[in-house]
């Protein structure tokens, strides 16, 4: 059975919206900031992320775009919150602040030809 699942912030605003098939994530997935701005858009296949994805900062600036294939995350392009591009066509770095949950690590992840070559923790969300 196909259904749409939703989760809400304590304020009542939409936080998550995704498709399930027989209770398993399968299809489109969207996460929102509490102010209603789209934070993430991706797809799932049989419970796992699959296909293309995009993340946005709360100011609506795109943060990253990439895809997942056979369980491996490939990053194509990334930007800083001010719009500065830090990765182009799979080479550069992604200052990963996702997910924006208190205590979550903020990492700098380096890539060359779409393959992660290293990362370091540079802080945590307050």
C-alpha atoms as a PDB file:
ATOM      1  CA  UNK A   1       0.000   0.000   0.000  1.00  0.00           C
ATOM      2  CA  UNK A   2       1.314   3.456  -0.932  1.00  0.00           C
ATOM      3  CA  UNK A   3       0.926   6.264   1.594  1.00  0.00           C
ATOM      4  CA  UNK A   4       2.300   9.699   2.445  1.00  0.00           C
ATOM      5  CA  UNK A   5       3.810  10.037   5.942  1.00  0.00           C
ATOM      6  CA  UNK A   6       4.207  13.402   7.651  1.00  0.00           C
ATOM      7  CA  UNK A   7       5.891  14.572  10.838  1.00  0.00           C
ATOM      8  CA  UNK A   8       5.485  17.971  12.445  1.00  0.00           C
ATOM      9  CA  UNK A   9       7.522  20.314  14.612  1.00  0.00           C
ATOM     10  CA  UNK A  10       6.084  20.991  18.109  1.00  0.00           C
ATOM     11  CA  UNK A  11       4.819  24.284  16.612  1.00  0.00           C
ATOM     12  CA  UNK A  12       2.578  22.298  14.257  1.00  0.00           C
ATOM     13  CA  UNK A  13       4.552  23.186  11.122  1.00  0.00           C
ATOM     14  CA  UNK A  14       5.475  20.434   8.662  1.00  0.00           C
ATOM     15  CA  UNK A  15       8.956  18.935   9.252  1.00  0.00           C
ATOM     16  CA  UNK A  16       9.004  15.785   7.076  1.00  0.00           C
ATOM     17  CA  UNK A  17       6.958  14.433   4.205  1.00  0.00           C
ATOM     18  CA  UNK A  18       7.735  11.180   2.446  1.00  0.00           C
ATOM     19  CA  UNK A  19       6.219   8.281   0.545  1.00  0.00           C
ATOM     20  CA  UNK A  20       6.074   4.739   1.831  1.00  0.00           C
ATOM     21  CA  UNK A  21       5.183   1.476   0.125  1.00  0.00           C
ATOM     22  CA  UNK A  22       3.945  -1.113   2.588  1.00  0.00           C
ATOM     23  CA  UNK A  23       5.396   0.931   5.486  1.00  0.00           C
ATOM     24  CA  UNK A  24       8.906   1.301   3.952  1.00  0.00           C
ATOM     25  CA  UNK A  25      10.287   4.636   2.687  1.00  0.00           C
ATOM     26  CA  UNK A  26      10.086   4.467  -1.088  1.00  0.00           C
ATOM     27  CA  UNK A  27       9.760   7.521  -3.317  1.00  0.00           C
ATOM     28  CA  UNK A  28      10.101  11.228  -2.645  1.00  0.00           C
ATOM     29  CA  UNK A  29      11.341  12.605   0.689  1.00  0.00           C
ATOM     30  CA  UNK A  30      11.310  16.238   1.836  1.00  0.00           C
ATOM     31  CA  UNK A  31      12.486  17.851   5.064  1.00  0.00           C
ATOM     32  CA  UNK A  32      11.696  21.456   6.007  1.00  0.00           C
ATOM     33  CA  UNK A  33      13.101  24.015   8.392  1.00  0.00           C
ATOM     34  CA  UNK A  34      10.629  25.142  11.020  1.00  0.00           C
ATOM     35  CA  UNK A  35      10.044  28.403   9.101  1.00  0.00           C
ATOM     36  CA  UNK A  36       8.738  26.377   6.124  1.00  0.00           C
ATOM     37  CA  UNK A  37      11.831  26.643   3.894  1.00  0.00           C
ATOM     38  CA  UNK A  38      12.712  23.394   2.084  1.00  0.00           C
ATOM     39  CA  UNK A  39      15.865  21.918   3.677  1.00  0.00           C
ATOM     40  CA  UNK A  40      16.308  18.634   1.808  1.00  0.00           C
ATOM     41  CA  UNK A  41      14.827  16.822  -1.141  1.00  0.00           C
ATOM     42  CA  UNK A  42      15.777  13.253  -1.978  1.00  0.00           C
ATOM     43  CA  UNK A  43      14.390   9.867  -2.956  1.00  0.00           C
ATOM     44  CA  UNK A  44      14.298   6.490  -1.267  1.00  0.00           C
ATOM     45  CA  UNK A  45      14.146   2.989  -2.712  1.00  0.00           C
ATOM     46  CA  UNK A  46      13.151   0.147  -0.404  1.00  0.00           C
ATOM     47  CA  UNK A  47      14.081   2.082   2.755  1.00  0.00           C
ATOM     48  CA  UNK A  48      17.450   3.469   1.619  1.00  0.00           C
ATOM     49  CA  UNK A  49      18.387   6.799   0.045  1.00  0.00           C
ATOM     50  CA  UNK A  50      18.798   6.369  -3.677  1.00  0.00           C
ATOM     51  CA  UNK A  51      19.093   8.714  -6.627  1.00  0.00           C
ATOM     52  CA  UNK A  52      19.600  12.462  -6.599  1.00  0.00           C
ATOM     53  CA  UNK A  53      19.409  14.775  -3.595  1.00  0.00           C
ATOM     54  CA  UNK A  54      19.714  18.473  -2.762  1.00  0.00           C
ATOM     55  CA  UNK A  55      20.105  20.311   0.548  1.00  0.00           C
ATOM     56  CA  UNK A  56      19.445  24.011   1.116  1.00  0.00           C
ATOM     57  CA  UNK A  57      20.464  26.449   3.815  1.00  0.00           C
ATOM     58  CA  UNK A  58      17.723  28.186   5.757  1.00  0.00           C
ATOM     59  CA  UNK A  59      18.330  31.334   3.650  1.00  0.00           C
ATOM     60  CA  UNK A  60      17.295  29.263   0.552  1.00  0.00           C
ATOM     61  CA  UNK A  61      20.864  29.142  -0.828  1.00  0.00           C
ATOM     62  CA  UNK A  62      21.576  25.659  -2.180  1.00  0.00           C
ATOM     63  CA  UNK A  63      24.114  23.811  -0.007  1.00  0.00           C
ATOM     64  CA  UNK A  64      24.850  20.616  -1.906  1.00  0.00           C
ATOM     65  CA  UNK A  65      23.687  18.446  -4.759  1.00  0.00           C
ATOM     66  CA  UNK A  66      24.620  14.868  -5.433  1.00  0.00           C
ATOM     67  CA  UNK A  67      23.285  11.352  -5.701  1.00  0.00           C
ATOM     68  CA  UNK A  68      23.347   7.981  -3.977  1.00  0.00           C
ATOM     69  CA  UNK A  69      24.136   4.861  -5.971  1.00  0.00           C
ATOM     70  CA  UNK A  70      24.476   1.379  -4.471  1.00  0.00           C
ATOM     71  CA  UNK A  71      24.590   2.933  -0.995  1.00  0.00           C
ATOM     72  CA  UNK A  72      27.479   5.275  -1.847  1.00  0.00           C
ATOM     73  CA  UNK A  73      26.981   9.052  -1.618  1.00  0.00           C
ATOM     74  CA  UNK A  74      28.481  11.088  -4.469  1.00  0.00           C
ATOM     75  CA  UNK A  75      28.721  14.866  -4.139  1.00  0.00           C
ATOM     76  CA  UNK A  76      28.608  16.880  -7.349  1.00  0.00           C
ATOM     77  CA  UNK A  77      28.548  20.527  -6.209  1.00  0.00           C
ATOM     78  CA  UNK A  78      28.488  22.386  -2.896  1.00  0.00           C
ATOM     79  CA  UNK A  79      28.291  25.964  -1.696  1.00  0.00           C
ATOM     80  CA  UNK A  80      28.686  28.000   1.461  1.00  0.00           C
ATOM     81  CA  UNK A  81      25.744  29.890   2.929  1.00  0.00           C
ATOM     82  CA  UNK A  82      26.932  33.099   1.229  1.00  0.00           C
ATOM     83  CA  UNK A  83      26.802  31.422  -2.220  1.00  0.00           C
ATOM     84  CA  UNK A  84      30.545  30.738  -2.588  1.00  0.00           C
ATOM     85  CA  UNK A  85      30.985  27.468  -4.489  1.00  0.00           C
ATOM     86  CA  UNK A  86      33.394  25.092  -2.716  1.00  0.00           C
ATOM     87  CA  UNK A  87      33.009  22.035  -4.935  1.00  0.00           C
ATOM     88  CA  UNK A  88      32.455  21.781  -8.662  1.00  0.00           C
ATOM     89  CA  UNK A  89      31.807  18.594 -10.600  1.00  0.00           C
ATOM     90  CA  UNK A  90      32.934  16.355  -7.736  1.00  0.00           C
ATOM     91  CA  UNK A  91      36.165  18.079  -6.729  1.00  0.00           C
ATOM     92  CA  UNK A  92      36.573  20.423  -3.760  1.00  0.00           C
ATOM     93  CA  UNK A  93      35.088  20.372  -0.288  1.00  0.00           C
ATOM     94  CA  UNK A  94      31.695  20.335   1.402  1.00  0.00           C
ATOM     95  CA  UNK A  95      31.297  22.067   4.745  1.00  0.00           C
ATOM     96  CA  UNK A  96      28.632  19.637   5.942  1.00  0.00           C
ATOM     97  CA  UNK A  97      26.285  21.142   8.494  1.00  0.00           C
ATOM     98  CA  UNK A  98      23.516  18.620   7.909  1.00  0.00           C
ATOM     99  CA  UNK A  99      21.426  17.730   9.797  1.00  0.00           C
ATOM    100  CA  UNK A 100      21.024  20.987  11.747  1.00  0.00           C
ATOM    101  CA  UNK A 101      20.320  19.241  15.056  1.00  0.00           C
ATOM    102  CA  UNK A 102      21.950  20.328  18.364  1.00  0.00           C
ATOM    103  CA  UNK A 103      25.066  18.255  19.034  1.00  0.00           C
ATOM    104  CA  UNK A 104      25.441  17.062  15.432  1.00  0.00           C
ATOM    105  CA  UNK A 105      28.956  17.275  14.002  1.00  0.00           C
ATOM    106  CA  UNK A 106      29.937  19.923  11.483  1.00  0.00           C
ATOM    107  CA  UNK A 107      32.529  18.408   9.150  1.00  0.00           C
ATOM    108  CA  UNK A 108      34.699  19.515   6.284  1.00  0.00           C
ATOM    109  CA  UNK A 109      34.632  16.724   3.699  1.00  0.00           C
ATOM    110  CA  UNK A 110      37.089  16.732   0.810  1.00  0.00           C
ATOM    111  CA  UNK A 111      36.394  15.118  -2.563  1.00  0.00           C
ATOM    112  CA  UNK A 112      38.296  14.445  -5.778  1.00  0.00           C
ATOM    113  CA  UNK A 113      36.462  13.109  -8.825  1.00  0.00           C
ATOM    114  CA  UNK A 114      33.323  12.496  -6.713  1.00  0.00           C
ATOM    115  CA  UNK A 115      35.173  10.307  -4.189  1.00  0.00           C
ATOM    116  CA  UNK A 116      35.576  11.454  -0.570  1.00  0.00           C
ATOM    117  CA  UNK A 117      39.286  11.703   0.162  1.00  0.00           C
ATOM    118  CA  UNK A 118      39.032  12.827   3.787  1.00  0.00           C
ATOM    119  CA  UNK A 119      37.126  14.725   6.405  1.00  0.00           C
ATOM    120  CA  UNK A 120      37.627  16.423   9.733  1.00  0.00           C
ATOM    121  CA  UNK A 121      35.254  17.466  12.472  1.00  0.00           C
ATOM    122  CA  UNK A 122      35.385  21.240  12.907  1.00  0.00           C
ATOM    123  CA  UNK A 123      32.607  21.686  15.460  1.00  0.00           C
ATOM    124  CA  UNK A 124      29.138  20.764  16.626  1.00  0.00           C
ATOM    125  CA  UNK A 125      25.738  22.412  16.309  1.00  0.00           C
ATOM    126  CA  UNK A 126      24.859  24.343  19.477  1.00  0.00           C
END
